[in-house]
Amino acid sequence: MTRIFMLILALSSPVAADVVGPGGKVQDCYCTDQSGSRIELGETICLQVDGRMFMAQCQMSLNVPMWREVQEGCLSSQANPPQMSPAPWAKAG
């Protein structure tokens, strides 16, 4: 039961985005996309690697920002909505 509680607590905690570097300076951690744009920790984007597309989330691993695949394929906002047929009682006019 304690392990389940600790897992839930770990998953619900915010991601720590600060790492203390040399000289005690706080370094802001983030990922970059293929164009070099900054992506904040916890953000999810579509990545294309070696001809494969997938959704990936910017996460920390051993104090290093990295991409972790969270879903096969990518979501698309350019999907066309289904075409609706006119109601049978509507007359063309």
PDB file of N, CA and C in Angstrom:
ATOM      1  N   MET A   1       0.825  -1.190   0.000  1.00  0.00           N
ATOM      2  CA  MET A   1       0.000   0.000   0.000  1.00  0.00           C
ATOM      3  C   MET A   1       0.874   1.261   0.000  1.00  0.00           C
ATOM      4  N   THR A   2       1.964   1.221   0.760  1.00  0.00           N
ATOM      5  CA  THR A   2       2.855   2.379   0.822  1.00  0.00           C
ATOM      6  C   THR A   2       3.498   2.642  -0.525  1.00  0.00           C
ATOM      7  N   ARG A   3       3.868   1.592  -1.255  1.00  0.00           N
ATOM      8  CA  ARG A   3       4.473   1.755  -2.573  1.00  0.00           C
ATOM      9  C   ARG A   3       3.504   2.429  -3.540  1.00  0.00           C
ATOM     10  N   ILE A   4       2.248   2.040  -3.490  1.00  0.00           N
ATOM     11  CA  ILE A   4       1.240   2.641  -4.365  1.00  0.00           C
ATOM     12  C   ILE A   4       1.089   4.117  -4.027  1.00  0.00           C
ATOM     13  N   PHE A   5       1.054   4.447  -2.741  1.00  0.00           N
ATOM     14  CA  PHE A   5       0.941   5.840  -2.331  1.00  0.00           C
ATOM     15  C   PHE A   5       2.137   6.647  -2.814  1.00  0.00           C
ATOM     16  N   MET A   6       3.344   6.104  -2.668  1.00  0.00           N
ATOM     17  CA  MET A   6       4.555   6.807  -3.101  1.00  0.00           C
ATOM     18  C   MET A   6       4.549   7.010  -4.617  1.00  0.00           C
ATOM     19  N   LEU A   7       4.063   6.021  -5.374  1.00  0.00           N
ATOM     20  CA  LEU A   7       3.983   6.138  -6.828  1.00  0.00           C
ATOM     21  C   LEU A   7       2.998   7.241  -7.211  1.00  0.00           C
ATOM     22  N   ILE A   8       1.845   7.264  -6.579  1.00  0.00           N
ATOM     23  CA  ILE A   8       0.846   8.295  -6.864  1.00  0.00           C
ATOM     24  C   ILE A   8       1.407   9.667  -6.507  1.00  0.00           C
ATOM     25  N   LEU A   9       2.092   9.769  -5.384  1.00  0.00           N
ATOM     26  CA  LEU A   9       2.690  11.041  -4.970  1.00  0.00           C
ATOM     27  C   LEU A   9       3.744  11.497  -5.973  1.00  0.00           C
ATOM     28  N   ALA A  10       4.574  10.579  -6.440  1.00  0.00           N
ATOM     29  CA  ALA A  10       5.628  10.927  -7.402  1.00  0.00           C
ATOM     30  C   ALA A  10       5.032  11.378  -8.733  1.00  0.00           C
ATOM     31  N   LEU A  11       3.970  10.722  -9.181  1.00  0.00           N
ATOM     32  CA  LEU A  11       3.363  11.067 -10.458  1.00  0.00           C
ATOM     33  C   LEU A  11       2.578  12.365 -10.397  1.00  0.00           C
ATOM     34  N   SER A  12       2.092  12.730  -9.229  1.00  0.00           N
ATOM     35  CA  SER A  12       1.293  13.945  -9.121  1.00  0.00           C
ATOM     36  C   SER A  12       2.138  15.170  -8.787  1.00  0.00           C
ATOM     37  N   SER A  13       3.407  14.981  -8.451  1.00  0.00           N
ATOM     38  CA  SER A  13       4.278  16.108  -8.113  1.00  0.00           C
ATOM     39  C   SER A  13       4.700  16.841  -9.373  1.00  0.00           C
ATOM     40  N   PRO A  14       4.864  18.156  -9.287  1.00  0.00           N
ATOM     41  CA  PRO A  14       5.352  18.889 -10.456  1.00  0.00           C
ATOM     42  C   PRO A  14       6.791  18.501 -10.772  1.00  0.00           C
ATOM     43  N   VAL A  15       7.162  18.638 -12.029  1.00  0.00           N
ATOM     44  CA  VAL A  15       8.510  18.303 -12.456  1.00  0.00           C
ATOM     45  C   VAL A  15       9.448  19.420 -12.017  1.00  0.00           C
ATOM     46  N   ALA A  16      10.558  19.038 -11.378  1.00  0.00           N
ATOM     47  CA  ALA A  16      11.542  20.043 -10.969  1.00  0.00           C
ATOM     48  C   ALA A  16      12.305  20.500 -12.200  1.00  0.00           C
ATOM     49  N   ALA A  17      12.355  21.812 -12.424  1.00  0.00           N
ATOM     50  CA  ALA A  17      12.973  22.329 -13.632  1.00  0.00           C
ATOM     51  C   ALA A  17      14.298  23.027 -13.364  1.00  0.00           C
ATOM     52  N   ASP A  18      14.743  23.049 -12.129  1.00  0.00           N
ATOM     53  CA  ASP A  18      15.980  23.738 -11.809  1.00  0.00           C
ATOM     54  C   ASP A  18      17.049  22.746 -11.381  1.00  0.00           C
ATOM     55  N   VAL A  19      18.259  22.944 -11.884  1.00  0.00           N
ATOM     56  CA  VAL A  19      19.410  22.133 -11.514  1.00  0.00           C
ATOM     57  C   VAL A  19      20.493  23.103 -11.077  1.00  0.00           C
ATOM     58  N   VAL A  20      21.149  22.790  -9.963  1.00  0.00           N
ATOM     59  CA  VAL A  20      22.222  23.645  -9.475  1.00  0.00           C
ATOM     60  C   VAL A  20      23.513  23.231 -10.173  1.00  0.00           C
ATOM     61  N   GLY A  21      24.117  24.184 -10.858  1.00  0.00           N
ATOM     62  CA  GLY A  21      25.338  23.930 -11.612  1.00  0.00           C
ATOM     63  C   GLY A  21      26.569  24.346 -10.829  1.00  0.00           C
ATOM     64  N   PRO A  22      27.701  24.428 -11.529  1.00  0.00           N
ATOM     65  CA  PRO A  22      28.954  24.829 -10.884  1.00  0.00           C
ATOM     66  C   PRO A  22      28.823  26.216 -10.246  1.00  0.00           C
ATOM     67  N   GLY A  23      29.414  26.368  -9.083  1.00  0.00           N
ATOM     68  CA  GLY A  23      29.371  27.659  -8.402  1.00  0.00           C
ATOM     69  C   GLY A  23      28.037  27.930  -7.735  1.00  0.00           C
ATOM     70  N   GLY A  24      27.152  26.927  -7.661  1.00  0.00           N
ATOM     71  CA  GLY A  24      25.861  27.085  -7.007  1.00  0.00           C
ATOM     72  C   GLY A  24      24.846  27.848  -7.826  1.00  0.00           C
ATOM     73  N   LYS A  25      25.133  28.073  -9.119  1.00  0.00           N
ATOM     74  CA  LYS A  25      24.187  28.777 -10.000  1.00  0.00           C
ATOM     75  C   LYS A  25      23.066  27.836 -10.410  1.00  0.00           C
ATOM     76  N   VAL A  26      21.832  28.326 -10.365  1.00  0.00           N
ATOM     77  CA  VAL A  26      20.685  27.529 -10.799  1.00  0.00           C
ATOM     78  C   VAL A  26      20.615  27.583 -12.323  1.00  0.00           C
ATOM     79  N   GLN A  27      20.558  26.406 -12.937  1.00  0.00           N
ATOM     80  CA  GLN A  27      20.453  26.326 -14.387  1.00  0.00           C
ATOM     81  C   GLN A  27      19.048  25.872 -14.753  1.00  0.00           C
ATOM     82  N   ASP A  28      18.426  26.592 -15.662  1.00  0.00           N
ATOM     83  CA  ASP A  28      17.082  26.273 -16.122  1.00  0.00           C
ATOM     84  C   ASP A  28      17.164  25.092 -17.083  1.00  0.00           C
ATOM     85  N   CYS A  29      16.365  24.056 -16.862  1.00  0.00           N
ATOM     86  CA  CYS A  29      16.394  22.868 -17.718  1.00  0.00           C
ATOM     87  C   CYS A  29      15.211  22.869 -18.671  1.00  0.00           C
ATOM     88  N   TYR A  30      15.456  22.480 -19.913  1.00  0.00           N
ATOM     89  CA  TYR A  30      14.424  22.402 -20.938  1.00  0.00           C
ATOM     90  C   TYR A  30      14.945  21.520 -22.062  1.00  0.00           C
ATOM     91  N   CYS A  31      14.053  21.128 -22.957  1.00  0.00           N
ATOM     92  CA  CYS A  31      14.420  20.353 -24.142  1.00  0.00           C
ATOM     93  C   CYS A  31      14.395  21.287 -25.349  1.00  0.00           C
ATOM     94  N   THR A  32      14.911  20.814 -26.456  1.00  0.00           N
ATOM     95  CA  THR A  32      14.800  21.559 -27.709  1.00  0.00           C
ATOM     96  C   THR A  32      14.197  20.648 -28.762  1.00  0.00           C
ATOM     97  N   ASP A  33      13.446  21.250 -29.689  1.00  0.00           N
ATOM     98  CA  ASP A  33      12.879  20.466 -30.781  1.00  0.00           C
ATOM     99  C   ASP A  33      13.867  20.447 -31.944  1.00  0.00           C
ATOM    100  N   GLN A  34      13.436  19.897 -33.081  1.00  0.00           N
ATOM    101  CA  GLN A  34      14.331  19.737 -34.227  1.00  0.00           C
ATOM    102  C   GLN A  34      14.789  21.061 -34.815  1.00  0.00           C
ATOM    103  N   SER A  35      14.041  22.135 -34.580  1.00  0.00           N
ATOM    104  CA  SER A  35      14.446  23.440 -35.104  1.00  0.00           C
ATOM    105  C   SER A  35      15.245  24.244 -34.078  1.00  0.00           C
ATOM    106  N   GLY A  36      15.451  23.675 -32.878  1.00  0.00           N
ATOM    107  CA  GLY A  36      16.211  24.359 -31.840  1.00  0.00           C
ATOM    108  C   GLY A  36      15.358  25.206 -30.914  1.00  0.00           C
ATOM    109  N   SER A  37      14.041  25.161 -31.084  1.00  0.00           N
ATOM    110  CA  SER A  37      13.145  25.940 -30.210  1.00  0.00           C
ATOM    111  C   SER A  37      13.086  25.305 -28.818  1.00  0.00           C
ATOM    112  N   ARG A  38      12.928  26.146 -27.832  1.00  0.00           N
ATOM    113  CA  ARG A  38      12.873  25.696 -26.441  1.00  0.00           C
ATOM    114  C   ARG A  38      11.525  25.051 -26.144  1.00  0.00           C
ATOM    115  N   ILE A  39      11.548  23.885 -25.522  1.00  0.00           N
ATOM    116  CA  ILE A  39      10.348  23.171 -25.086  1.00  0.00           C
ATOM    117  C   ILE A  39      10.485  22.930 -23.584  1.00  0.00           C
ATOM    118  N   GLU A  40       9.523  23.400 -22.812  1.00  0.00           N
ATOM    119  CA  GLU A  40       9.590  23.306 -21.357  1.00  0.00           C
ATOM    120  C   GLU A  40       9.358  21.867 -20.882  1.00  0.00           C
ATOM    121  N   LEU A  41       9.886  21.555 -19.694  1.00  0.00           N
ATOM    122  CA  LEU A  41       9.672  20.240 -19.094  1.00  0.00           C
ATOM    123  C   LEU A  41       8.180  19.975 -18.947  1.00  0.00           C
ATOM    124  N   GLY A  42       7.762  18.778 -19.286  1.00  0.00           N
ATOM    125  CA  GLY A  42       6.360  18.391 -19.182  1.00  0.00           C
ATOM    126  C   GLY A  42       5.569  18.602 -20.456  1.00  0.00           C
ATOM    127  N   GLU A  43       6.092  19.413 -21.398  1.00  0.00           N
ATOM    128  CA  GLU A  43       5.389  19.636 -22.659  1.00  0.00           C
ATOM    129  C   GLU A  43       5.536  18.411 -23.563  1.00  0.00           C
ATOM    130  N   THR A  44       4.509  18.157 -24.363  1.00  0.00           N
ATOM    131  CA  THR A  44       4.492  17.029 -25.289  1.00  0.00           C
ATOM    132  C   THR A  44       4.384  17.566 -26.711  1.00  0.00           C
ATOM    133  N   ILE A  45       5.233  17.038 -27.604  1.00  0.00           N
ATOM    134  CA  ILE A  45       5.204  17.438 -29.012  1.00  0.00           C
ATOM    135  C   ILE A  45       5.338  16.201 -29.886  1.00  0.00           C
ATOM    136  N   CYS A  46       5.092  16.393 -31.178  1.00  0.00           N
ATOM    137  CA  CYS A  46       5.272  15.321 -32.156  1.00  0.00           C
ATOM    138  C   CYS A  46       6.717  15.376 -32.640  1.00  0.00           C
ATOM    139  N   LEU A  47       7.425  14.260 -32.568  1.00  0.00           N
ATOM    140  CA  LEU A  47       8.794  14.176 -33.063  1.00  0.00           C
ATOM    141  C   LEU A  47       8.857  13.206 -34.234  1.00  0.00           C
ATOM    142  N   GLN A  48       9.736  13.497 -35.183  1.00  0.00           N
ATOM    143  CA  GLN A  48       9.996  12.585 -36.295  1.00  0.00           C
ATOM    144  C   GLN A  48      11.464  12.209 -36.230  1.00  0.00           C
ATOM    145  N   VAL A  49      11.727  10.918 -36.000  1.00  0.00           N
ATOM    146  CA  VAL A  49      13.088  10.411 -35.874  1.00  0.00           C
ATOM    147  C   VAL A  49      13.219   9.183 -36.752  1.00  0.00           C
ATOM    148  N   ASP A  50      14.179   9.198 -37.664  1.00  0.00           N
ATOM    149  CA  ASP A  50      14.424   8.071 -38.570  1.00  0.00           C
ATOM    150  C   ASP A  50      13.162   7.646 -39.310  1.00  0.00           C
ATOM    151  N   GLY A  51      12.374   8.615 -39.755  1.00  0.00           N
ATOM    152  CA  GLY A  51      11.162   8.326 -40.523  1.00  0.00           C
ATOM    153  C   GLY A  51       9.985   7.859 -39.690  1.00  0.00           C
ATOM    154  N   ARG A  52      10.125   7.833 -38.392  1.00  0.00           N
ATOM    155  CA  ARG A  52       9.056   7.403 -37.486  1.00  0.00           C
ATOM    156  C   ARG A  52       8.543   8.614 -36.723  1.00  0.00           C
ATOM    157  N   MET A  53       7.211   8.760 -36.636  1.00  0.00           N
ATOM    158  CA  MET A  53       6.613   9.885 -35.916  1.00  0.00           C
ATOM    159  C   MET A  53       5.948   9.375 -34.639  1.00  0.00           C
ATOM    160  N   PHE A  54       6.148  10.133 -33.545  1.00  0.00           N
ATOM    161  CA  PHE A  54       5.551   9.756 -32.269  1.00  0.00           C
ATOM    162  C   PHE A  54       5.434  10.979 -31.374  1.00  0.00           C
ATOM    163  N   MET A  55       4.544  10.884 -30.383  1.00  0.00           N
ATOM    164  CA  MET A  55       4.394  11.939 -29.394  1.00  0.00           C
ATOM    165  C   MET A  55       5.440  11.696 -28.307  1.00  0.00           C
ATOM    166  N   ALA A  56       6.170  12.755 -27.948  1.00  0.00           N
ATOM    167  CA  ALA A  56       7.216  12.653 -26.937  1.00  0.00           C
ATOM    168  C   ALA A  56       7.057  13.779 -25.931  1.00  0.00           C
ATOM    169  N   GLN A  57       7.402  13.480 -24.680  1.00  0.00           N
ATOM    170  CA  GLN A  57       7.313  14.461 -23.608  1.00  0.00           C
ATOM    171  C   GLN A  57       8.715  14.805 -23.126  1.00  0.00           C
ATOM    172  N   CYS A  58       8.959  16.078 -22.866  1.00  0.00           N
ATOM    173  CA  CYS A  58      10.225  16.543 -22.310  1.00  0.00           C
ATOM    174  C   CYS A  58      10.240  16.180 -20.832  1.00  0.00           C
ATOM    175  N   GLN A  59      11.214  15.353 -20.428  1.00  0.00           N
ATOM    176  CA  GLN A  59      11.313  14.895 -19.049  1.00  0.00           C
ATOM    177  C   GLN A  59      12.759  14.964 -18.585  1.00  0.00           C
ATOM    178  N   MET A  60      12.965  14.805 -17.277  1.00  0.00           N
ATOM    179  CA  MET A  60      14.303  14.750 -16.708  1.00  0.00           C
ATOM    180  C   MET A  60      14.670  13.298 -16.439  1.00  0.00           C
ATOM    181  N   SER A  61      15.935  12.956 -16.702  1.00  0.00           N
ATOM    182  CA  SER A  61      16.465  11.636 -16.385  1.00  0.00           C
ATOM    183  C   SER A  61      17.899  11.832 -15.901  1.00  0.00           C
ATOM    184  N   LEU A  62      18.148  11.505 -14.651  1.00  0.00           N
ATOM    185  CA  LEU A  62      19.479  11.685 -14.059  1.00  0.00           C
ATOM    186  C   LEU A  62      19.989  13.108 -14.250  1.00  0.00           C
ATOM    187  N   ASN A  63      19.124  14.070 -13.977  1.00  0.00           N
ATOM    188  CA  ASN A  63      19.443  15.507 -14.082  1.00  0.00           C
ATOM    189  C   ASN A  63      19.758  15.969 -15.503  1.00  0.00           C
ATOM    190  N   VAL A  64      19.268  15.241 -16.493  1.00  0.00           N
ATOM    191  CA  VAL A  64      19.471  15.613 -17.888  1.00  0.00           C
ATOM    192  C   VAL A  64      18.106  15.657 -18.575  1.00  0.00           C
ATOM    193  N   PRO A  65      17.767  16.768 -19.242  1.00  0.00           N
ATOM    194  CA  PRO A  65      16.503  16.796 -19.978  1.00  0.00           C
ATOM    195  C   PRO A  65      16.571  15.841 -21.168  1.00  0.00           C
ATOM    196  N   MET A  66      15.496  15.099 -21.389  1.00  0.00           N
ATOM    197  CA  MET A  66      15.458  14.131 -22.484  1.00  0.00           C
ATOM    198  C   MET A  66      14.031  13.961 -22.975  1.00  0.00           C
ATOM    199  N   TRP A  67      13.907  13.385 -24.186  1.00  0.00           N
ATOM    200  CA  TRP A  67      12.588  13.105 -24.767  1.00  0.00           C
ATOM    201  C   TRP A  67      12.200  11.677 -24.445  1.00  0.00           C
ATOM    202  N   ARG A  68      10.956  11.474 -24.005  1.00  0.00           N
ATOM    203  CA  ARG A  68      10.447  10.130 -23.738  1.00  0.00           C
ATOM    204  C   ARG A  68       9.192   9.922 -24.570  1.00  0.00           C
ATOM    205  N   GLU A  69       9.162   8.836 -25.349  1.00  0.00           N
ATOM    206  CA  GLU A  69       7.985   8.533 -26.173  1.00  0.00           C
ATOM    207  C   GLU A  69       6.819   8.205 -25.258  1.00  0.00           C
ATOM    208  N   VAL A  70       5.685   8.853 -25.527  1.00  0.00           N
ATOM    209  CA  VAL A  70       4.488   8.616 -24.720  1.00  0.00           C
ATOM    210  C   VAL A  70       3.337   8.044 -25.541  1.00  0.00           C
ATOM    211  N   GLN A  71       3.457   8.097 -26.881  1.00  0.00           N
ATOM    212  CA  GLN A  71       2.391   7.568 -27.730  1.00  0.00           C
ATOM    213  C   GLN A  71       2.927   7.353 -29.136  1.00  0.00           C
ATOM    214  N   GLU A  72       2.542   6.225 -29.751  1.00  0.00           N
ATOM    215  CA  GLU A  72       2.890   6.000 -31.151  1.00  0.00           C
ATOM    216  C   GLU A  72       2.079   6.939 -32.025  1.00  0.00           C
ATOM    217  N   GLY A  73       2.666   7.397 -33.114  1.00  0.00           N
ATOM    218  CA  GLY A  73       1.965   8.289 -34.027  1.00  0.00           C
ATOM    219  C   GLY A  73       1.788   9.659 -33.414  1.00  0.00           C
ATOM    220  N   CYS A  74       1.283  10.580 -34.210  1.00  0.00           N
ATOM    221  CA  CYS A  74       1.096  11.960 -33.755  1.00  0.00           C
ATOM    222  C   CYS A  74      -0.351  12.378 -33.931  1.00  0.00           C
ATOM    223  N   LEU A  75      -0.775  13.259 -33.047  1.00  0.00           N
ATOM    224  CA  LEU A  75      -2.103  13.840 -33.162  1.00  0.00           C
ATOM    225  C   LEU A  75      -2.044  14.915 -34.225  1.00  0.00           C
ATOM    226  N   SER A  76      -3.121  15.110 -34.937  1.00  0.00           N
ATOM    227  CA  SER A  76      -3.130  16.113 -35.991  1.00  0.00           C
ATOM    228  C   SER A  76      -4.279  17.073 -35.765  1.00  0.00           C
ATOM    229  N   SER A  77      -3.986  18.352 -35.889  1.00  0.00           N
ATOM    230  CA  SER A  77      -5.033  19.354 -35.753  1.00  0.00           C
ATOM    231  C   SER A  77      -5.591  19.735 -37.115  1.00  0.00           C
ATOM    232  N   GLN A  78      -5.088  19.114 -38.174  1.00  0.00           N
ATOM    233  CA  GLN A  78      -5.531  19.448 -39.515  1.00  0.00           C
ATOM    234  C   GLN A  78      -6.494  18.419 -40.090  1.00  0.00           C
ATOM    235  N   ALA A  79      -7.048  17.576 -39.232  1.00  0.00           N
ATOM    236  CA  ALA A  79      -8.013  16.592 -39.707  1.00  0.00           C
ATOM    237  C   ALA A  79      -9.268  17.313 -40.193  1.00  0.00           C
ATOM    238  N   ASN A  80      -9.780  16.893 -41.309  1.00  0.00           N
ATOM    239  CA  ASN A  80     -11.000  17.500 -41.841  1.00  0.00           C
ATOM    240  C   ASN A  80     -12.205  16.915 -41.119  1.00  0.00           C
ATOM    241  N   PRO A  81     -13.130  17.753 -40.696  1.00  0.00           N
ATOM    242  CA  PRO A  81     -14.325  17.218 -40.040  1.00  0.00           C
ATOM    243  C   PRO A  81     -15.148  16.432 -41.059  1.00  0.00           C
ATOM    244  N   PRO A  82     -15.889  15.429 -40.596  1.00  0.00           N
ATOM    245  CA  PRO A  82     -16.691  14.647 -41.535  1.00  0.00           C
ATOM    246  C   PRO A  82     -17.736  15.528 -42.223  1.00  0.00           C
ATOM    247  N   GLN A  83     -17.968  15.270 -43.481  1.00  0.00           N
ATOM    248  CA  GLN A  83     -18.964  16.027 -44.233  1.00  0.00           C
ATOM    249  C   GLN A  83     -20.346  15.523 -43.852  1.00  0.00           C
ATOM    250  N   MET A  84     -21.211  16.444 -43.524  1.00  0.00           N
ATOM    251  CA  MET A  84     -22.564  16.089 -43.121  1.00  0.00           C
ATOM    252  C   MET A  84     -23.470  16.148 -44.346  1.00  0.00           C
ATOM    253  N   SER A  85     -24.303  15.149 -44.489  1.00  0.00           N
ATOM    254  CA  SER A  85     -25.291  15.154 -45.567  1.00  0.00           C
ATOM    255  C   SER A  85     -26.436  16.057 -45.162  1.00  0.00           C
ATOM    256  N   PRO A  86     -27.066  16.721 -46.145  1.00  0.00           N
ATOM    257  CA  PRO A  86     -28.225  17.537 -45.786  1.00  0.00           C
ATOM    258  C   PRO A  86     -29.350  16.648 -45.255  1.00  0.00           C
ATOM    259  N   ALA A  87     -30.151  17.190 -44.410  1.00  0.00           N
ATOM    260  CA  ALA A  87     -31.273  16.443 -43.850  1.00  0.00           C
ATOM    261  C   ALA A  87     -32.196  16.020 -44.981  1.00  0.00           C
ATOM    262  N   PRO A  88     -32.779  14.819 -44.887  1.00  0.00           N
ATOM    263  CA  PRO A  88     -33.623  14.321 -45.958  1.00  0.00           C
ATOM    264  C   PRO A  88     -34.813  15.234 -46.286  1.00  0.00           C
ATOM    265  N   TRP A  89     -35.296  15.989 -45.283  1.00  0.00           N
ATOM    266  CA  TRP A  89     -36.445  16.853 -45.540  1.00  0.00           C
ATOM    267  C   TRP A  89     -36.035  18.222 -46.094  1.00  0.00           C
ATOM    268  N   ALA A  90     -34.731  18.514 -46.086  1.00  0.00           N
ATOM    269  CA  ALA A  90     -34.289  19.800 -46.636  1.00  0.00           C
ATOM    270  C   ALA A  90     -34.341  19.747 -48.150  1.00  0.00           C
ATOM    271  N   LYS A  91     -34.917  20.750 -48.764  1.00  0.00           N
ATOM    272  CA  LYS A  91     -35.054  20.796 -50.213  1.00  0.00           C
ATOM    273  C   LYS A  91     -33.977  21.692 -50.802  1.00  0.00           C
ATOM    274  N   ALA A  92     -33.389  21.234 -51.856  1.00  0.00           N
ATOM    275  CA  ALA A  92     -32.407  22.077 -52.553  1.00  0.00           C
ATOM    276  C   ALA A  92     -33.194  23.151 -53.284  1.00  0.00           C
ATOM    277  N   GLY A  93     -32.728  24.331 -53.221  1.00  0.00           N
ATOM    278  CA  GLY A  93     -33.538  25.325 -53.856  1.00  0.00           C
ATOM    279  C   GLY A  93     -32.811  26.405 -54.405  1.00  0.00           C
TER     280      GLY A  93
END
